[in-house]
C-alpha atoms as a PDB file:
ATOM      1  CA  MET A   1      -7.276 -25.412   3.310  1.00  0.00           C
ATOM      2  CA  ASN A   2      -9.792 -25.210   0.505  1.00  0.00           C
ATOM      3  CA  GLU A   3      -8.928 -24.010  -2.996  1.00  0.00           C
ATOM      4  CA  LYS A   4      -9.853 -20.401  -2.220  1.00  0.00           C
ATOM      5  CA  ASP A   5      -7.744 -20.404   0.961  1.00  0.00           C
ATOM      6  CA  SER A   6      -4.729 -21.814  -0.857  1.00  0.00           C
ATOM      7  CA  GLN A   7      -4.578 -18.582  -2.883  1.00  0.00           C
ATOM      8  CA  ARG A   8      -4.329 -16.383   0.224  1.00  0.00           C
ATOM      9  CA  ASN A   9      -1.112 -15.362   1.904  1.00  0.00           C
ATOM     10  CA  TYR A  10      -0.912 -17.137   5.261  1.00  0.00           C
ATOM     11  CA  ASN A  11       1.648 -16.444   7.964  1.00  0.00           C
ATOM     12  CA  TYR A  12       3.477 -18.945  10.117  1.00  0.00           C
ATOM     13  CA  ASP A  13       0.652 -18.975  12.676  1.00  0.00           C
ATOM     14  CA  GLY A  14      -2.113 -19.769  10.190  1.00  0.00           C
ATOM     15  CA  ASN A  15      -3.574 -16.260  10.110  1.00  0.00           C
ATOM     16  CA  CYS A  16      -3.847 -14.580   6.755  1.00  0.00           C
ATOM     17  CA  LEU A  17      -1.690 -11.522   6.312  1.00  0.00           C
ATOM     18  CA  GLU A  18      -4.480  -8.969   6.569  1.00  0.00           C
ATOM     19  CA  GLU A  19      -5.715 -10.524   9.830  1.00  0.00           C
ATOM     20  CA  LYS A  20      -2.205 -10.372  11.253  1.00  0.00           C
ATOM     21  CA  VAL A  21      -1.791  -6.712  10.239  1.00  0.00           C
ATOM     22  CA  VAL A  22      -5.159  -5.651  11.668  1.00  0.00           C
ATOM     23  CA  GLY A  23      -4.366  -7.578  14.857  1.00  0.00           C
ATOM     24  CA  LEU A  24      -0.970  -5.925  15.259  1.00  0.00           C
ATOM     25  CA  LEU A  25      -2.414  -2.471  14.649  1.00  0.00           C
ATOM     26  CA  ALA A  26      -5.170  -3.078  17.207  1.00  0.00           C
ATOM     27  CA  GLU A  27      -2.740  -4.530  19.750  1.00  0.00           C
ATOM     28  CA  LYS A  28      -0.526  -1.439  19.442  1.00  0.00           C
ATOM     29  CA  HIS A  29      -3.506   0.973  19.345  1.00  0.00           C
ATOM     30  CA  LEU A  30      -2.423   2.338  15.957  1.00  0.00           C
ATOM     31  CA  THR A  31      -4.387   3.466  12.918  1.00  0.00           C
ATOM     32  CA  VAL A  32      -3.615   3.033   9.230  1.00  0.00           C
ATOM     33  CA  THR A  33      -4.628   4.709   5.999  1.00  0.00           C
ATOM     34  CA  THR A  34      -3.871   4.041   2.338  1.00  0.00           C
ATOM     35  CA  ALA A  35      -3.033   6.094  -0.756  1.00  0.00           C
ATOM     36  CA  GLU A  36      -3.534   3.846  -3.747  1.00  0.00           C
ATOM     37  CA  SER A  37      -2.985   4.371  -7.429  1.00  0.00           C
ATOM     38  CA  CYS A  38      -2.407   1.095  -9.287  1.00  0.00           C
ATOM     39  CA  THR A  39      -4.260  -0.958  -6.649  1.00  0.00           C
ATOM     40  CA  GLY A  40      -7.310   1.311  -6.788  1.00  0.00           C
ATOM     41  CA  GLY A  41      -8.456   0.655  -3.225  1.00  0.00           C
ATOM     42  CA  LEU A  42      -7.560  -3.036  -3.008  1.00  0.00           C
ATOM     43  CA  ILE A  43      -5.243  -2.573  -0.026  1.00  0.00           C
ATOM     44  CA  ALA A  44      -7.950  -0.844   2.010  1.00  0.00           C
ATOM     45  CA  GLY A  45     -10.527  -3.322   0.724  1.00  0.00           C
ATOM     46  CA  THR A  46      -8.389  -6.248   1.823  1.00  0.00           C
ATOM     47  CA  LEU A  47      -8.013  -4.794   5.310  1.00  0.00           C
ATOM     48  CA  VAL A  48     -11.775  -4.198   5.510  1.00  0.00           C
ATOM     49  CA  ASN A  49     -12.330  -7.927   4.942  1.00  0.00           C
ATOM     50  CA  VAL A  50     -11.099  -8.452   8.513  1.00  0.00           C
ATOM     51  CA  ALA A  51     -13.532  -8.142  11.407  1.00  0.00           C
ATOM     52  CA  GLY A  52     -12.358  -5.286  13.597  1.00  0.00           C
ATOM     53  CA  ALA A  53     -10.783  -3.330  10.751  1.00  0.00           C
ATOM     54  CA  SER A  54     -12.965  -0.343  11.628  1.00  0.00           C
ATOM     55  CA  ASP A  55     -10.927   0.031  14.821  1.00  0.00           C
ATOM     56  CA  VAL A  56      -7.722   0.656  12.858  1.00  0.00           C
ATOM     57  CA  LEU A  57      -8.755   1.993   9.422  1.00  0.00           C
ATOM     58  CA  ASN A  58     -10.659   5.277   9.286  1.00  0.00           C
ATOM     59  CA  GLU A  59     -10.190   6.207   5.646  1.00  0.00           C
ATOM     60  CA  GLY A  60      -8.251   5.526   2.480  1.00  0.00           C
ATOM     61  CA  TYR A  61      -7.508   7.455  -0.688  1.00  0.00           C
ATOM     62  CA  VAL A  62      -7.687   6.281  -4.293  1.00  0.00           C
ATOM     63  CA  THR A  63      -5.304   8.645  -6.056  1.00  0.00           C
ATOM     64  CA  TYR A  64      -5.314   7.345  -9.598  1.00  0.00           C
ATOM     65  CA  SER A  65      -4.669  10.680 -11.302  1.00  0.00           C
ATOM     66  CA  ASN A  66      -1.768  13.026 -10.677  1.00  0.00           C
ATOM     67  CA  GLU A  67      -4.281  15.711  -9.702  1.00  0.00           C
ATOM     68  CA  ALA A  68      -5.705  13.413  -7.014  1.00  0.00           C
ATOM     69  CA  LYS A  69      -2.220  12.632  -5.738  1.00  0.00           C
ATOM     70  CA  GLU A  70      -1.586  16.347  -5.322  1.00  0.00           C
ATOM     71  CA  ARG A  71      -5.004  17.339  -3.956  1.00  0.00           C
ATOM     72  CA  LEU A  72      -5.785  14.428  -1.628  1.00  0.00           C
ATOM     73  CA  VAL A  73      -2.410  13.425  -0.207  1.00  0.00           C
ATOM     74  CA  GLY A  74      -0.173  16.377  -0.946  1.00  0.00           C
ATOM     75  CA  VAL A  75       2.243  14.959  -3.501  1.00  0.00           C
ATOM     76  CA  ARG A  76       4.218  17.929  -4.781  1.00  0.00           C
ATOM     77  CA  HIS A  77       3.671  18.918  -8.402  1.00  0.00           C
ATOM     78  CA  GLU A  78       7.457  19.197  -8.748  1.00  0.00           C
ATOM     79  CA  THR A  79       7.860  15.566  -7.680  1.00  0.00           C
ATOM     80  CA  LEU A  80       5.429  14.385 -10.334  1.00  0.00           C
ATOM     81  CA  GLU A  81       7.064  16.569 -12.991  1.00  0.00           C
ATOM     82  CA  ARG A  82      10.618  15.508 -12.148  1.00  0.00           C
ATOM     83  CA  TYR A  83      10.213  11.815 -11.269  1.00  0.00           C
ATOM     84  CA  GLY A  84       6.786  10.859 -12.600  1.00  0.00           C
ATOM     85  CA  ALA A  85       3.813   9.252 -10.910  1.00  0.00           C
ATOM     86  CA  VAL A  86       5.532   5.864 -10.889  1.00  0.00           C
ATOM     87  CA  SER A  87       8.578   6.577  -8.756  1.00  0.00           C
ATOM     88  CA  GLU A  88      10.087   6.027  -5.339  1.00  0.00           C
ATOM     89  CA  GLN A  89       9.684   9.712  -4.552  1.00  0.00           C
ATOM     90  CA  THR A  90       5.979   9.748  -5.391  1.00  0.00           C
ATOM     91  CA  ALA A  91       5.306   6.590  -3.358  1.00  0.00           C
ATOM     92  CA  ARG A  92       7.095   8.174  -0.391  1.00  0.00           C
ATOM     93  CA  GLU A  93       5.125  11.418  -0.616  1.00  0.00           C
ATOM     94  CA  MET A  94       1.868   9.481  -1.050  1.00  0.00           C
ATOM     95  CA  ALA A  95       2.426   7.453   2.128  1.00  0.00           C
ATOM     96  CA  GLU A  96       3.587  10.408   4.196  1.00  0.00           C
ATOM     97  CA  GLY A  97       0.844  12.671   2.852  1.00  0.00           C
ATOM     98  CA  ALA A  98      -1.896  10.113   3.465  1.00  0.00           C
ATOM     99  CA  ALA A  99      -0.782   9.631   7.063  1.00  0.00           C
ATOM    100  CA  LYS A 100      -0.835  13.379   7.589  1.00  0.00           C
ATOM    101  CA  ALA A 101      -4.198  13.895   5.868  1.00  0.00           C
ATOM    102  CA  ALA A 102      -5.857  11.073   7.809  1.00  0.00           C
ATOM    103  CA  GLY A 103      -4.070  11.682  11.091  1.00  0.00           C
ATOM    104  CA  ALA A 104      -2.961   8.040  10.988  1.00  0.00           C
ATOM    105  CA  ASP A 105       0.032   6.365  12.611  1.00  0.00           C
ATOM    106  CA  ALA A 106       0.705   4.207   9.542  1.00  0.00           C
ATOM    107  CA  ALA A 107       0.107   4.449   5.812  1.00  0.00           C
ATOM    108  CA  LEU A 108       0.601   2.292   2.752  1.00  0.00           C
ATOM    109  CA  SER A 109       0.920   3.655  -0.773  1.00  0.00           C
ATOM    110  CA  SER A 110       1.054   2.049  -4.190  1.00  0.00           C
ATOM    111  CA  THR A 111       1.949   3.508  -7.551  1.00  0.00           C
ATOM    112  CA  GLY A 112       2.887   1.487 -10.584  1.00  0.00           C
ATOM    113  CA  ILE A 113       2.113   0.108 -14.004  1.00  0.00           C
ATOM    114  CA  ALA A 114      -0.254  -2.833 -13.628  1.00  0.00           C
ATOM    115  CA  GLY A 115      -0.531  -3.503 -17.374  1.00  0.00           C
ATOM    116  CA  PRO A 116      -1.143  -4.748 -19.897  1.00  0.00           C
ATOM    117  CA  GLY A 117      -0.273  -1.393 -21.495  1.00  0.00           C
ATOM    118  CA  GLY A 118       1.388   1.756 -20.285  1.00  0.00           C
ATOM    119  CA  GLY A 119       4.894   0.437 -19.823  1.00  0.00           C
ATOM    120  CA  THR A 120       8.083   1.856 -21.297  1.00  0.00           C
ATOM    121  CA  ALA A 121      11.673   0.643 -21.453  1.00  0.00           C
ATOM    122  CA  GLU A 122      12.484   2.731 -18.364  1.00  0.00           C
ATOM    123  CA  LYS A 123       9.251   1.884 -16.528  1.00  0.00           C
ATOM    124  CA  PRO A 124       7.985  -1.504 -17.731  1.00  0.00           C
ATOM    125  CA  VAL A 125       4.653  -3.147 -17.009  1.00  0.00           C
ATOM    126  CA  GLY A 126       4.815  -4.715 -13.564  1.00  0.00           C
ATOM    127  CA  LEU A 127       6.966  -1.961 -12.026  1.00  0.00           C
ATOM    128  CA  VAL A 128       5.431  -0.891  -8.716  1.00  0.00           C
ATOM    129  CA  TYR A 129       6.633   1.301  -5.871  1.00  0.00           C
ATOM    130  CA  ILE A 130       5.140   0.580  -2.461  1.00  0.00           C
ATOM    131  CA  GLY A 131       5.469   3.034   0.391  1.00  0.00           C
ATOM    132  CA  CYS A 132       5.130   2.118   4.046  1.00  0.00           C
ATOM    133  CA  TYR A 133       5.001   4.886   6.649  1.00  0.00           C
ATOM    134  CA  LEU A 134       4.980   4.145  10.382  1.00  0.00           C
ATOM    135  CA  ASN A 135       5.422   6.719  13.126  1.00  0.00           C
ATOM    136  CA  GLY A 136       7.713   9.082  11.237  1.00  0.00           C
ATOM    137  CA  ARG A 137       9.666   6.525   9.192  1.00  0.00           C
ATOM    138  CA  THR A 138       9.024   5.712   5.559  1.00  0.00           C
ATOM    139  CA  THR A 139      10.292   2.769   3.544  1.00  0.00           C
ATOM    140  CA  VAL A 140       9.760   2.433  -0.194  1.00  0.00           C
ATOM    141  CA  GLU A 141      10.279  -0.781  -2.143  1.00  0.00           C
ATOM    142  CA  GLU A 142      10.641  -1.106  -5.894  1.00  0.00           C
ATOM    143  CA  CYS A 143       8.920  -4.282  -7.063  1.00  0.00           C
ATOM    144  CA  HIS A 144       8.757  -6.001 -10.436  1.00  0.00           C
ATOM    145  CA  PHE A 145       5.788  -8.311 -10.995  1.00  0.00           C
ATOM    146  CA  ALA A 146       5.269 -10.465 -14.070  1.00  0.00           C
ATOM    147  CA  GLY A 147       1.583 -11.331 -13.926  1.00  0.00           C
ATOM    148  CA  ASN A 148      -1.477 -10.010 -15.673  1.00  0.00           C
ATOM    149  CA  ARG A 149      -3.094  -6.768 -14.506  1.00  0.00           C
ATOM    150  CA  MET A 150      -5.068  -8.283 -11.634  1.00  0.00           C
ATOM    151  CA  GLU A 151      -2.184 -10.503 -10.524  1.00  0.00           C
ATOM    152  CA  ASN A 152       0.162  -7.506 -10.428  1.00  0.00           C
ATOM    153  CA  ARG A 153      -2.354  -5.590  -8.333  1.00  0.00           C
ATOM    154  CA  MET A 154      -2.848  -8.490  -5.920  1.00  0.00           C
ATOM    155  CA  HIS A 155       0.915  -9.035  -5.582  1.00  0.00           C
ATOM    156  CA  THR A 156       1.200  -5.347  -4.720  1.00  0.00           C
ATOM    157  CA  VAL A 157      -1.439  -5.705  -1.988  1.00  0.00           C
ATOM    158  CA  GLU A 158       0.353  -8.728  -0.513  1.00  0.00           C
ATOM    159  CA  ARG A 159       3.735  -7.019  -0.506  1.00  0.00           C
ATOM    160  CA  ALA A 160       2.324  -3.810   0.979  1.00  0.00           C
ATOM    161  CA  LEU A 161       0.682  -5.713   3.835  1.00  0.00           C
ATOM    162  CA  ALA A 162       3.869  -7.713   4.411  1.00  0.00           C
ATOM    163  CA  MET A 163       5.881  -4.479   4.595  1.00  0.00           C
ATOM    164  CA  LEU A 164       3.503  -3.077   7.201  1.00  0.00           C
ATOM    165  CA  GLN A 165       3.582  -6.307   9.182  1.00  0.00           C
ATOM    166  CA  GLU A 166       7.390  -6.243   9.221  1.00  0.00           C
ATOM    167  CA  ALA A 167       7.429  -2.593  10.315  1.00  0.00           C
ATOM    168  CA  LEU A 168       4.884  -3.238  13.070  1.00  0.00           C
ATOM    169  CA  GLU A 169       6.805  -6.244  14.377  1.00  0.00           C
ATOM    170  CA  GLN A 170       9.992  -4.143  14.572  1.00  0.00           C
ATOM    171  CA  GLU A 171       8.185  -1.188  16.208  1.00  0.00           C
ATOM    172  CA  THR A 172       8.791  -0.831  19.941  1.00  0.00           C
ATOM    173  CA  ILE A 173       5.731   1.094  21.052  1.00  0.00           C
END
């Protein structure tokens, strides 16, 4: 591995995570979409780095503002008012809404506080919620990352792809 490769997330079989995810989606004839806030399109962009991604990824949504979350992927205004943009509930609605809007089998969502500012005692910098929807089931993980802004965003991408890989490997389609 060269220096650049050593920074990528490789699986047990030597394939990088995004290659494994695209391969699993293609093998199962499934499609994926994304609804991204704090990652700003990095999840979709990482998938697009893989040859053949166009077979499994039709579209993705960058939903940085609350208005975009509501308009593009159907997050309820009440959810944003009650729980805030950075919450388990919002990540869940983002993933489910993106899948519905795109007509996709799977969806990944990210909402969080990448830093360096914007954090509070209740919602500190590095707090991220990642949603993973697959065929009617949604899982949301609360993550706490301690890097700089870009590191927090990249850690979010890696964890989101790992969540989808795990869900795909457990899926019995």
